[in-house]
Amino acid sequence: MGSLGEEELVQMVRDFIESESPSPFSLPSSPSNSVNHDNSTTLTLQEILWRVTGDEVEVLDKILMYVSSVGNAGDAATNLQKWVVMRLKMDGFEASLCKTSRRTATGGGYEYIEVMLKAAINGVKATRLIVDMDFRSQFELARPTPTYTDLINTLPSIFVGNEEKLNKIISLLCAAAKRSLKERGLHIPPWRKANHMQSKWLSENCKKVPIFPAPKSNTEVGGMDKWESKAPQCSSKFSKWVPPVVKPRTRGMDGGGSALSSQFSNMGINCC
């Protein structure tokens, strides 16, 4: 199976929303009535991915626009997640860059983007959208089976969804990863288990990374405003040297010469 391109997915979802159909997406019917377990898993994953809300489509559409405008522009390409958070904020979204700290064998933490959607009705809990800019690679395995490879290719590289959707994907992919590893005769590493994968995005040990966007200016990089430099702006230590003004010594009121000229006049000169 081929992978679902982000732009293709957005276009399909947008067409569905514009049709104002109350029913969710219906997947294309399989040419065969009997599908094996692996194909059923892939179809289930596609169904999870295709069930999206209007808010998810809007956020993903914005992010795809940001990414396409950045291209390979220096700092923007290096700090892509920060660029995306900054642009989401500029477009009125309550976005944050989150970093989870995990005490595991692999160590380190994991960064993702959080977008909080305000509830339309008072008393209703706000919706938390999780954005991952490199989602597909988080589920990659060494020596995967062809079936697992097809499953991975179904995942989008950029994920936008709520916690419930993410939990379903993690459970499905971790179970498939377990089957793939066992088929290859490999042990299941701890960082490929469901609880570890959930800790990347759903852990309570999450800190928000501060981001300071620069004020708008006419200078842009890849269609985006430059980041404000945190280094202090200082002038160069070396400047053009200007010789000091030397005032000539004036003669005295008595018309006498300078002390140096008087010294030469008083010296005797012996000639051969």
Foldseek 3Di string as FASTA:
>chain_A
DAADELVNLLVVLVVVVVVVDPDFDDDDDDPDPDDDPLVVLLVVLLVLQNRDDPVLSVLSVLLVVQVVLQDPWPPCVVPVQLQSQVVCVVVPWPKFWKWAFDDDPVGDIAIWMWTWADDPDPPDHIFIKTKDQQPLVLLDDPPFDPSLVVSSSHDYRIDIDGPVSVLVVLVSSLVNVCVRQVVVVHDDDPCSHSVNVCSRPPNPRMDTDDADADDDDPDARSPHRDRDDPDDDDDDPDDDDDDDDDDDDDDDPVPDDDPVVVVVVPDDDDDD
